[in-house]
Amino acid sequence: MVTIKNLLFLATAVTALTIGKRDTATILNDISVINSDVQALTTAANNYNGGILAAIPILTAQNNLEAAIDQGTTDAQATAQQTSAESQSVIAAVNNLIPNIEASLTAIRAKKAQFAADGLTSTVQTSLANLKAKTDTFSDALIAIASADTKATGTAQKATIDADFDAAIADFAS
């Protein structure tokens, strides 16, 4: 007779086999998905003209973005140390992502009055803080696997993104 212990062991073993190692191509794909989701969030924010129900597309875009960032973090944490060339390709992808992050945060900040009128200021502030935390975790995972010659650049990119988030979060705190 099969015991629960054996079934749990089998389930754990199967799960471990499916996780596997990831590679730089996977990370680059994750960054591409994140970039698309950031742009979707920007569009949703730009289209928001007030109203709690009208904020649903923003929430949906944010949830999709958070899921993409979480996937990127999982993949980066399962990726071996990168070569310099691999790290440079990730840096280039993040460099392309940063202006879109900034545009998204600018779009959200531009709608502060509408969010305030709907009583959503603290919700937006919390959402931005959550996105920043997830972004930091992803950044840390990328920096951890970056080649030694690119870690400083990765750290500088993280600082730029953090400063952008900090400014937006502070805007909704006041």
Protein backbone atom coordinates (compact mmCIF):
# COMPACT_ATOMS: atom_id res chain seq x y z
CA MET A 1 0.00 0.00 0.00
CA VAL A 2 1.27 3.45 -0.92
CA THR A 3 1.72 5.67 2.08
CA ILE A 4 1.25 9.40 2.26
CA LYS A 5 4.94 9.72 3.07
CA ASN A 6 5.87 8.02 -0.21
CA LEU A 7 3.45 10.19 -2.18
CA LEU A 8 4.89 13.34 -0.64
CA PHE A 9 8.41 12.15 -1.44
CA LEU A 10 7.40 11.46 -5.04
CA ALA A 11 5.73 14.86 -5.39
CA THR A 12 8.81 16.59 -3.99
CA ALA A 13 11.13 14.67 -6.30
CA VAL A 14 9.04 15.48 -9.38
CA THR A 15 8.89 19.15 -8.42
CA ALA A 16 12.65 19.29 -7.91
CA LEU A 17 13.24 17.75 -11.32
CA THR A 18 11.08 20.32 -13.09
CA ILE A 19 12.73 23.36 -11.51
CA GLY A 20 16.14 22.89 -13.11
CA LYS A 21 18.74 25.49 -13.98
CA ARG A 22 17.93 28.57 -16.02
CA ASP A 23 20.15 30.50 -18.42
CA THR A 24 20.72 34.05 -19.56
CA ALA A 25 18.26 33.67 -22.44
CA THR A 26 15.54 32.92 -19.89
CA ILE A 27 16.47 36.01 -17.89
CA LEU A 28 16.46 38.17 -21.02
CA ASN A 29 13.01 36.83 -21.86
CA ASP A 30 11.86 37.63 -18.31
CA ILE A 31 13.14 41.20 -18.66
CA SER A 32 11.30 41.49 -21.98
CA VAL A 33 8.06 40.33 -20.34
CA ILE A 34 8.64 42.75 -17.46
CA ASN A 35 9.21 45.55 -19.98
CA SER A 36 5.92 44.75 -21.73
CA ASP A 37 4.12 44.67 -18.39
CA VAL A 38 5.68 48.00 -17.36
CA GLN A 39 4.42 49.51 -20.61
CA ALA A 40 0.96 48.05 -19.97
CA LEU A 41 0.98 49.66 -16.52
CA THR A 42 1.97 52.98 -18.10
CA THR A 43 -0.91 52.72 -20.57
CA ALA A 44 -3.37 51.85 -17.80
CA ALA A 45 -2.17 54.79 -15.70
CA ASN A 46 -2.34 57.19 -18.64
CA ASN A 47 -5.90 56.04 -19.40
CA TYR A 48 -7.07 56.49 -15.81
CA ASN A 49 -9.29 59.53 -15.38
CA GLY A 50 -10.68 58.83 -11.94
CA GLY A 51 -13.17 56.44 -10.44
CA ILE A 52 -12.52 53.36 -8.38
CA LEU A 53 -13.77 50.99 -11.08
CA ALA A 54 -11.59 52.76 -13.63
CA ALA A 55 -8.58 51.84 -11.48
CA ILE A 56 -9.12 48.11 -12.10
CA PRO A 57 -6.96 48.06 -15.27
CA ILE A 58 -4.12 49.59 -13.24
CA LEU A 59 -4.49 46.91 -10.58
CA THR A 60 -4.56 44.20 -13.25
CA ALA A 61 -1.43 45.60 -14.91
CA GLN A 62 0.31 45.85 -11.54
CA ASN A 63 -0.55 42.25 -10.67
CA ASN A 64 0.76 41.05 -14.03
CA LEU A 65 3.96 43.04 -13.51
CA GLU A 66 4.46 41.65 -10.01
CA ALA A 67 4.03 38.10 -11.32
CA ALA A 68 6.56 38.75 -14.09
CA ILE A 69 9.07 40.19 -11.60
CA ASP A 70 8.57 37.19 -9.31
CA GLN A 71 9.20 34.85 -12.26
CA GLY A 72 12.33 36.78 -13.18
CA THR A 73 13.57 36.50 -9.61
CA THR A 74 12.92 32.75 -9.54
CA ASP A 75 14.74 32.30 -12.83
CA ALA A 76 17.69 34.49 -11.81
CA GLN A 77 18.05 32.60 -8.55
CA ALA A 78 18.19 29.35 -10.55
CA THR A 79 20.81 30.67 -12.99
CA ALA A 80 24.52 29.93 -12.70
CA GLN A 81 27.15 32.63 -12.53
CA GLN A 82 27.18 34.56 -15.79
CA THR A 83 30.07 35.30 -18.09
CA SER A 84 30.97 38.90 -18.79
CA ALA A 85 29.24 38.76 -22.18
CA GLU A 86 26.07 37.33 -20.63
CA SER A 87 26.09 39.97 -17.92
CA GLN A 88 26.59 42.71 -20.50
CA SER A 89 23.49 41.51 -22.36
CA VAL A 90 21.46 41.67 -19.15
CA ILE A 91 22.80 45.16 -18.42
CA ALA A 92 21.76 46.27 -21.91
CA ALA A 93 18.27 44.86 -21.39
CA VAL A 94 17.93 46.64 -18.04
CA ASN A 95 19.20 49.86 -19.61
CA ASN A 96 16.34 49.57 -22.11
CA LEU A 97 13.90 48.88 -19.28
CA ILE A 98 14.82 51.83 -17.03
CA PRO A 99 13.25 54.58 -19.22
CA ASN A 100 10.01 52.61 -19.33
CA ILE A 101 10.01 52.24 -15.54
CA GLU A 102 10.55 55.99 -15.26
CA ALA A 103 7.72 56.67 -17.75
CA SER A 104 5.39 54.40 -15.80
CA LEU A 105 6.17 56.06 -12.49
CA THR A 106 5.73 59.49 -14.11
CA ALA A 107 2.34 58.45 -15.49
CA ILE A 108 1.24 57.23 -12.06
CA ARG A 109 2.47 60.41 -10.37
CA ALA A 110 0.62 62.52 -12.95
CA LYS A 111 -2.65 60.94 -11.79
CA LYS A 112 -2.08 61.68 -8.10
CA ALA A 113 -5.02 64.11 -7.94
CA GLN A 114 -7.40 61.53 -9.42
CA PHE A 115 -6.14 58.84 -7.04
CA ALA A 116 -6.54 61.24 -4.12
CA ALA A 117 -10.10 62.15 -5.16
CA ASP A 118 -10.96 58.45 -5.12
CA GLY A 119 -9.29 57.82 -1.75
CA LEU A 120 -6.62 55.64 -3.34
CA THR A 121 -3.48 57.56 -2.35
CA SER A 122 -2.36 55.12 0.34
CA THR A 123 -3.25 52.16 -1.89
CA VAL A 124 -1.05 53.52 -4.66
CA GLN A 125 1.75 54.26 -2.20
CA THR A 126 1.59 50.70 -0.86
CA SER A 127 1.48 49.27 -4.38
CA LEU A 128 4.56 51.26 -5.36
CA ALA A 129 6.39 50.10 -2.23
CA ASN A 130 5.51 46.48 -3.07
CA LEU A 131 6.72 46.89 -6.65
CA LYS A 132 9.94 48.44 -5.39
CA ALA A 133 10.51 45.55 -2.96
CA LYS A 134 9.96 42.97 -5.70
CA THR A 135 12.18 44.92 -8.08
CA ASP A 136 14.91 45.06 -5.43
CA THR A 137 14.72 41.30 -4.92
CA PHE A 138 15.00 40.74 -8.68
CA SER A 139 17.88 43.23 -8.92
CA ASP A 140 19.71 41.53 -6.07
CA ALA A 141 19.30 38.16 -7.79
CA LEU A 142 20.69 39.58 -11.04
CA ILE A 143 23.63 41.24 -9.28
CA ALA A 144 24.40 37.99 -7.44
CA ILE A 145 24.94 36.10 -10.71
CA ALA A 146 26.57 38.95 -12.64
CA SER A 147 30.20 38.69 -13.63
CA ALA A 148 32.60 40.54 -11.34
CA ASP A 149 33.31 43.21 -13.96
CA THR A 150 29.60 44.13 -14.23
CA LYS A 151 28.44 44.05 -10.60
CA ALA A 152 29.09 47.78 -10.10
CA THR A 153 27.01 48.64 -13.17
CA GLY A 154 24.19 46.40 -11.95
CA THR A 155 24.34 48.05 -8.54
CA ALA A 156 24.19 51.49 -10.18
CA GLN A 157 21.17 50.44 -12.24
CA LYS A 158 19.44 49.26 -9.08
CA ALA A 159 20.20 52.59 -7.40
CA THR A 160 18.68 54.49 -10.33
CA ILE A 161 15.51 52.41 -10.23
CA ASP A 162 15.31 52.72 -6.43
CA ALA A 163 15.63 56.51 -6.65
CA ASP A 164 12.79 56.60 -9.18
CA PHE A 165 10.57 54.48 -6.93
CA ASP A 166 11.54 56.46 -3.82
CA ALA A 167 10.53 59.72 -5.50
CA ALA A 168 7.16 58.30 -6.55
CA ILE A 169 6.51 56.76 -3.13
CA ALA A 170 7.42 60.05 -1.43
CA ASP A 171 5.08 61.91 -3.78
CA PHE A 172 2.16 59.79 -2.60
CA ALA A 173 3.23 60.13 1.05
CA SER A 174 2.78 63.90 0.98
